[in-house]
């Protein structure tokens, strides 16, 4: 473990100090060209250190421990920070995530990496720029609250955040989920979703990308799902040969041609006796037993 940590730290330092990293993540070619009190690499390292105390105290401790430069003021730090793109931290996160999966014996389920995607609304700080960028919500009294839509892709067994996305308040969770799917490094993944992601077109999109899925279905879904809720069947494979207009529109926007596909419906009984239906691309009921899916789905809710 110590060897892996040292290797990771070395990789981070080499990346942060590289000329290409500077070129990729400074806002202008005019930024960070002179010797400053807070050079580019020191700025990135300080921000990775996560500020917990007052900003000036953190700056003083950082420079006394990790830099040859003299201490700088909060104002100087803030000015330097304005010249740094947020993309620097995305690249570093991707670097460490890829490093983990390439060099670790990570946990799997039936050779699948188990990934959960979920979204959440975020309340943001009040400013004109924030509202212009992310939008806002209003209550009955017309009170304006800056808000954004966020989404996260999380490895359930290895407790790793693979990717995070943020969009305007009106952005759909589907839209951000698609960004995750297009970005995360494609391994043998099983994506696990709550019923807010039970669109039939969304399932087809997974198969189009070669991704497997497990989704909790809504009771007012397509007729085949509604009939399965009412039946005594524990598992059933259904074929979907057409889409409703709204689902078709989603694929047309992505310039994807629809073709018929199969999904497997699995019925699970909750501890309170309530019946839920899960839909999955894992059709083999001998390899993937019905009774495994209840615990598998609820992994997305944590211990």
Protein backbone atom coordinates (compact mmCIF):
# COMPACT_ATOMS: atom_id res chain seq x y z
CA UNK A 1 0.00 0.00 0.00
CA UNK A 2 2.80 2.45 0.88
CA UNK A 3 4.43 1.71 -2.46
CA UNK A 4 1.17 2.50 -4.30
CA UNK A 5 0.74 5.76 -2.36
CA UNK A 6 4.29 6.87 -3.16
CA UNK A 7 3.75 6.02 -6.81
CA UNK A 8 0.52 8.02 -6.89
CA UNK A 9 2.08 11.04 -5.17
CA UNK A 10 4.99 10.97 -7.60
CA UNK A 11 2.57 10.89 -10.53
CA UNK A 12 0.61 13.85 -9.14
CA UNK A 13 3.75 15.92 -8.62
CA UNK A 14 5.09 15.13 -12.07
CA UNK A 15 1.76 16.10 -13.63
CA UNK A 16 1.33 19.34 -11.67
CA UNK A 17 4.88 20.46 -12.48
CA UNK A 18 4.64 19.59 -16.17
CA UNK A 19 4.55 22.33 -18.79
CA UNK A 20 1.57 20.70 -20.53
CA UNK A 21 -0.53 20.76 -17.35
CA UNK A 22 0.18 24.48 -16.99
CA UNK A 23 -0.74 25.11 -20.63
CA UNK A 24 -3.98 23.13 -20.31
CA UNK A 25 -5.28 24.78 -17.15
CA UNK A 26 -4.27 28.44 -17.04
CA UNK A 27 -6.94 30.82 -18.28
CA UNK A 28 -4.57 32.82 -20.46
CA UNK A 29 -1.10 32.44 -21.91
CA UNK A 30 -0.28 35.62 -20.00
CA UNK A 31 -0.93 33.91 -16.64
CA UNK A 32 1.87 32.35 -14.56
CA UNK A 33 4.66 33.50 -16.90
CA UNK A 34 6.67 35.39 -14.28
CA UNK A 35 8.03 34.19 -10.99
CA UNK A 36 5.31 34.90 -8.48
CA UNK A 37 5.01 34.46 -4.75
CA UNK A 38 2.53 31.69 -5.48
CA UNK A 39 3.64 29.77 -8.60
CA UNK A 40 1.22 27.60 -10.55
CA UNK A 41 2.23 24.28 -8.96
CA UNK A 42 2.11 25.71 -5.41
CA UNK A 43 -1.36 27.11 -6.08
CA UNK A 44 -2.70 23.73 -7.21
CA UNK A 45 -1.09 21.90 -4.28
CA UNK A 46 -2.50 24.38 -1.78
CA UNK A 47 -6.02 23.95 -3.16
CA UNK A 48 -5.67 20.17 -3.06
CA UNK A 49 -4.77 20.51 0.62
CA UNK A 50 -8.41 21.46 1.37
CA UNK A 51 -8.84 24.57 3.48
CA UNK A 52 -10.36 23.80 6.89
CA UNK A 53 -9.09 26.69 9.00
CA UNK A 54 -9.12 30.39 8.17
CA UNK A 55 -7.62 31.04 4.75
CA UNK A 56 -4.69 33.12 6.05
CA UNK A 57 -3.78 30.51 8.66
CA UNK A 58 -3.85 27.76 6.05
CA UNK A 59 -1.65 29.82 3.73
CA UNK A 60 0.86 30.49 6.49
CA UNK A 61 1.08 26.81 7.48
CA UNK A 62 1.31 25.65 3.87
CA UNK A 63 4.19 27.92 2.95
CA UNK A 64 6.08 27.18 6.13
CA UNK A 65 5.85 23.43 5.49
CA UNK A 66 5.75 22.90 1.75
CA UNK A 67 7.23 25.87 -0.08
CA UNK A 68 10.42 27.84 -0.24
CA UNK A 69 8.40 30.95 -1.00
CA UNK A 70 7.53 33.42 1.71
CA UNK A 71 4.01 33.59 3.03
CA UNK A 72 1.48 35.45 0.88
CA UNK A 73 -1.71 37.33 1.65
CA UNK A 74 -5.27 36.16 1.08
CA UNK A 75 -5.60 38.79 -1.61
CA UNK A 76 -2.57 37.52 -3.54
CA UNK A 77 -3.86 33.96 -3.33
CA UNK A 78 -7.32 34.93 -4.59
CA UNK A 79 -5.82 36.82 -7.52
CA UNK A 80 -3.74 33.77 -8.51
CA UNK A 81 -6.70 31.44 -8.09
CA UNK A 82 -8.73 33.48 -10.60
CA UNK A 83 -6.19 32.55 -13.26
CA UNK A 84 -6.61 28.80 -12.74
CA UNK A 85 -9.21 26.72 -14.61
CA UNK A 86 -11.33 24.23 -12.66
CA UNK A 87 -10.39 21.63 -15.29
CA UNK A 88 -7.05 21.11 -13.51
CA UNK A 89 -8.79 19.22 -10.71
CA UNK A 90 -10.87 17.16 -13.14
CA UNK A 91 -7.70 16.01 -14.86
CA UNK A 92 -6.03 15.14 -11.54
CA UNK A 93 -9.10 13.22 -10.36
CA UNK A 94 -9.27 11.26 -13.63
CA UNK A 95 -5.56 10.54 -13.34
CA UNK A 96 -5.91 9.05 -9.85
CA UNK A 97 -9.05 7.08 -10.71
CA UNK A 98 -7.38 5.51 -13.75
CA UNK A 99 -4.31 4.78 -11.66
CA UNK A 100 -6.44 2.93 -9.11
CA UNK A 101 -8.18 0.66 -11.61
CA UNK A 102 -5.03 -0.06 -13.57
CA UNK A 103 -2.91 -1.00 -10.56
CA UNK A 104 -5.28 -2.39 -7.93
CA UNK A 105 -7.11 -5.65 -7.39
CA UNK A 106 -10.39 -3.81 -6.99
CA UNK A 107 -13.64 -5.38 -5.78
CA UNK A 108 -16.15 -6.70 -8.33
CA UNK A 109 -19.47 -8.51 -8.49
CA UNK A 110 -19.46 -11.35 -11.03
CA UNK A 111 -16.58 -9.55 -12.77
CA UNK A 112 -18.61 -6.33 -12.94
CA UNK A 113 -17.65 -3.00 -11.53
CA UNK A 114 -20.83 -1.83 -9.76
CA UNK A 115 -21.56 1.82 -10.49
CA UNK A 116 -24.45 3.93 -9.26
CA UNK A 117 -25.50 7.23 -10.83
CA UNK A 118 -27.76 9.65 -9.00
CA UNK A 119 -28.57 13.33 -9.10
CA UNK A 120 -29.29 16.04 -6.57
CA UNK A 121 -30.26 19.70 -6.50
CA UNK A 122 -27.67 22.05 -5.02
CA UNK A 123 -28.39 25.36 -3.34
CA UNK A 124 -25.69 27.85 -4.32
CA UNK A 125 -24.44 31.13 -2.93
CA UNK A 126 -26.35 34.27 -3.85
CA UNK A 127 -24.75 36.32 -6.61
CA UNK A 128 -25.73 37.66 -10.00
CA UNK A 129 -23.02 35.62 -11.75
CA UNK A 130 -24.12 32.36 -10.10
CA UNK A 131 -27.76 32.92 -11.07
CA UNK A 132 -26.79 33.75 -14.65
CA UNK A 133 -24.68 30.59 -14.89
CA UNK A 134 -26.83 28.03 -13.07
CA UNK A 135 -30.30 29.50 -12.77
CA UNK A 136 -32.56 29.64 -9.74
CA UNK A 137 -35.84 28.53 -8.21
CA UNK A 138 -38.67 30.63 -6.79
CA UNK A 139 -41.09 29.83 -3.99
CA UNK A 140 -44.67 31.06 -3.58
CA UNK A 141 -43.39 34.36 -2.24
CA UNK A 142 -41.20 34.85 -5.35
CA UNK A 143 -38.06 34.42 -3.23
CA UNK A 144 -35.13 33.62 -5.55
CA UNK A 145 -32.71 30.84 -4.57
CA UNK A 146 -29.68 30.05 -6.78
CA UNK A 147 -29.79 26.35 -7.66
CA UNK A 148 -27.96 23.83 -9.83
CA UNK A 149 -28.46 20.20 -10.85
CA UNK A 150 -25.61 17.89 -9.90
CA UNK A 151 -24.91 14.23 -10.60
CA UNK A 152 -22.38 11.70 -9.36
CA UNK A 153 -21.12 8.34 -10.61
CA UNK A 154 -19.95 6.18 -7.70
CA UNK A 155 -18.24 2.78 -7.47
CA UNK A 156 -20.33 1.02 -4.81
CA UNK A 157 -17.83 -1.67 -3.84
CA UNK A 158 -14.63 0.37 -3.94
CA UNK A 159 -16.10 3.64 -2.62
CA UNK A 160 -14.70 5.77 -5.43
CA UNK A 161 -16.31 8.76 -7.13
CA UNK A 162 -15.50 8.26 -10.80
CA UNK A 163 -17.07 11.41 -12.15
CA UNK A 164 -19.20 14.37 -11.09
CA UNK A 165 -21.23 16.69 -13.28
CA UNK A 166 -23.05 19.95 -12.65
CA UNK A 167 -25.50 21.81 -14.85
CA UNK A 168 -28.13 24.49 -14.81
CA UNK A 169 -31.07 24.09 -12.46
CA UNK A 170 -33.38 22.99 -15.27
CA UNK A 171 -30.97 20.30 -16.55
CA UNK A 172 -32.49 16.81 -16.43
CA UNK A 173 -30.86 14.00 -14.47
CA UNK A 174 -30.83 11.95 -17.68
CA UNK A 175 -28.72 14.59 -19.43
CA UNK A 176 -26.04 14.48 -16.74
CA UNK A 177 -26.19 10.66 -16.56
CA UNK A 178 -25.45 10.49 -20.29
CA UNK A 179 -22.37 12.66 -19.69
CA UNK A 180 -21.16 10.14 -17.09
CA UNK A 181 -21.64 7.23 -19.49
CA UNK A 182 -19.76 9.00 -22.26
CA UNK A 183 -16.87 9.91 -19.97
CA UNK A 184 -16.16 7.09 -17.51
CA UNK A 185 -13.49 4.66 -18.61
CA UNK A 186 -15.44 1.72 -20.10
CA UNK A 187 -14.66 -1.47 -18.21
CA UNK A 188 -17.10 -4.28 -17.53
CA UNK A 189 -19.64 -2.16 -15.66
CA UNK A 190 -23.10 -2.74 -14.26
CA UNK A 191 -24.89 0.59 -13.81
CA UNK A 192 -27.50 0.59 -11.01
CA UNK A 193 -30.31 3.17 -11.04
CA UNK A 194 -33.34 4.23 -9.06
CA UNK A 195 -36.74 4.53 -10.77
CA UNK A 196 -36.06 8.12 -11.80
CA UNK A 197 -33.89 6.64 -14.58
CA UNK A 198 -36.31 4.00 -15.89
CA UNK A 199 -36.78 5.47 -19.37
CA UNK A 200 -36.83 2.74 -22.03
CA UNK A 201 -34.70 4.85 -24.39
CA UNK A 202 -32.12 5.17 -21.60
CA UNK A 203 -31.85 1.38 -21.36
CA UNK A 204 -31.39 1.13 -25.11
CA UNK A 205 -28.69 3.80 -24.93
CA UNK A 206 -26.77 1.64 -22.43
CA UNK A 207 -26.86 -1.32 -24.79
CA UNK A 208 -25.82 0.96 -27.66
CA UNK A 209 -22.72 1.87 -25.60
CA UNK A 210 -22.16 -1.74 -24.53
CA UNK A 211 -23.06 -1.05 -20.88
CA UNK A 212 -25.15 -3.31 -18.65
CA UNK A 213 -27.76 -1.94 -16.26
CA UNK A 214 -30.12 -2.65 -13.38
CA UNK A 215 -33.03 -0.23 -12.92
CA UNK A 216 -35.88 -0.03 -10.44
CA UNK A 217 -39.06 0.39 -12.51
CA UNK A 218 -42.01 2.71 -11.99
CA UNK A 219 -45.46 1.17 -11.70
CA UNK A 220 -46.80 3.39 -14.46
CA UNK A 221 -44.15 2.21 -16.93
CA UNK A 222 -44.88 0.46 -20.23
CA UNK A 223 -47.72 -2.11 -20.36
CA UNK A 224 -45.37 -5.12 -20.19
CA UNK A 225 -43.97 -3.86 -16.88
CA UNK A 226 -47.42 -3.08 -15.48
CA UNK A 227 -48.58 -6.60 -16.39
CA UNK A 228 -45.51 -8.11 -14.74
CA UNK A 229 -46.25 -6.23 -11.50
CA UNK A 230 -49.69 -7.91 -11.42
CA UNK A 231 -48.47 -11.39 -12.40
CA UNK A 232 -47.15 -14.22 -10.26
CA UNK A 233 -43.94 -14.42 -12.32
CA UNK A 234 -40.64 -13.91 -10.54
CA UNK A 235 -38.65 -13.26 -13.69
CA UNK A 236 -39.51 -12.65 -17.32
CA UNK A 237 -37.69 -11.60 -20.48
CA UNK A 238 -39.59 -9.13 -22.62
CA UNK A 239 -38.78 -7.73 -26.06
CA UNK A 240 -39.27 -4.05 -26.75
CA UNK A 241 -39.85 -3.40 -30.45
CA UNK A 242 -41.09 0.19 -30.35
CA UNK A 243 -40.74 3.36 -28.32
CA UNK A 244 -43.16 6.04 -27.27
CA UNK A 245 -42.74 9.40 -29.00
CA UNK A 246 -40.81 11.05 -26.15
CA UNK A 247 -38.35 8.15 -25.97
CA UNK A 248 -37.91 8.19 -29.74
CA UNK A 249 -37.13 11.91 -29.62
CA UNK A 250 -34.29 11.28 -27.17
CA UNK A 251 -32.58 8.86 -29.57
CA UNK A 252 -33.24 11.06 -32.60
CA UNK A 253 -31.45 13.94 -30.83
CA UNK A 254 -28.45 11.66 -30.39
CA UNK A 255 -28.69 10.45 -34.01
CA UNK A 256 -29.12 6.85 -32.86
CA UNK A 257 -31.31 4.43 -34.77
CA UNK A 258 -33.60 2.31 -32.61
CA UNK A 259 -33.76 -1.46 -32.93
CA UNK A 260 -35.73 -3.99 -30.89
CA UNK A 261 -34.03 -5.24 -27.74
CA UNK A 262 -34.69 -7.49 -24.77
CA UNK A 263 -34.67 -6.79 -21.05
CA UNK A 264 -35.26 -9.05 -18.09
CA UNK A 265 -37.78 -8.14 -15.41
CA UNK A 266 -37.14 -9.42 -11.88
CA UNK A 267 -39.59 -9.17 -9.02
CA UNK A 268 -38.30 -8.53 -5.50
CA UNK A 269 -40.23 -8.45 -2.23
CA UNK A 270 -39.17 -5.81 0.26
CA UNK A 271 -39.02 -6.45 3.99
CA UNK A 272 -42.35 -4.64 4.43
CA UNK A 273 -43.99 -6.89 1.84
CA UNK A 274 -44.07 -4.30 -0.93
CA UNK A 275 -43.38 -5.59 -4.44
CA UNK A 276 -40.78 -3.90 -6.64
CA UNK A 277 -39.71 -4.72 -10.19
CA UNK A 278 -36.16 -4.39 -11.46
CA UNK A 279 -35.21 -4.32 -15.14
CA UNK A 280 -31.81 -5.54 -16.24
CA UNK A 281 -29.77 -6.31 -19.32
CA UNK A 282 -28.45 -9.46 -17.58
CA UNK A 283 -30.72 -12.00 -19.31
CA UNK A 284 -29.09 -15.25 -18.15
CA UNK A 285 -31.16 -16.38 -15.14
CA UNK A 286 -28.80 -19.30 -14.50
CA UNK A 287 -25.73 -17.12 -14.19
CA UNK A 288 -27.51 -14.19 -12.51
CA UNK A 289 -30.04 -15.65 -10.08
CA UNK A 290 -33.29 -13.84 -9.26
CA UNK A 291 -32.59 -13.82 -5.53
CA UNK A 292 -29.32 -11.94 -5.99
CA UNK A 293 -30.90 -8.79 -7.36
CA UNK A 294 -32.57 -7.47 -4.22
CA UNK A 295 -29.31 -7.13 -2.30
CA UNK A 296 -27.52 -6.02 -5.45
CA UNK A 297 -29.91 -3.15 -6.04
CA UNK A 298 -29.86 -1.97 -2.43
CA UNK A 299 -26.06 -1.68 -2.50
CA UNK A 300 -26.70 1.75 -4.04
CA UNK A 301 -28.11 2.94 -0.73
CA UNK A 302 -24.99 2.04 1.26
CA UNK A 303 -24.61 -0.03 4.42
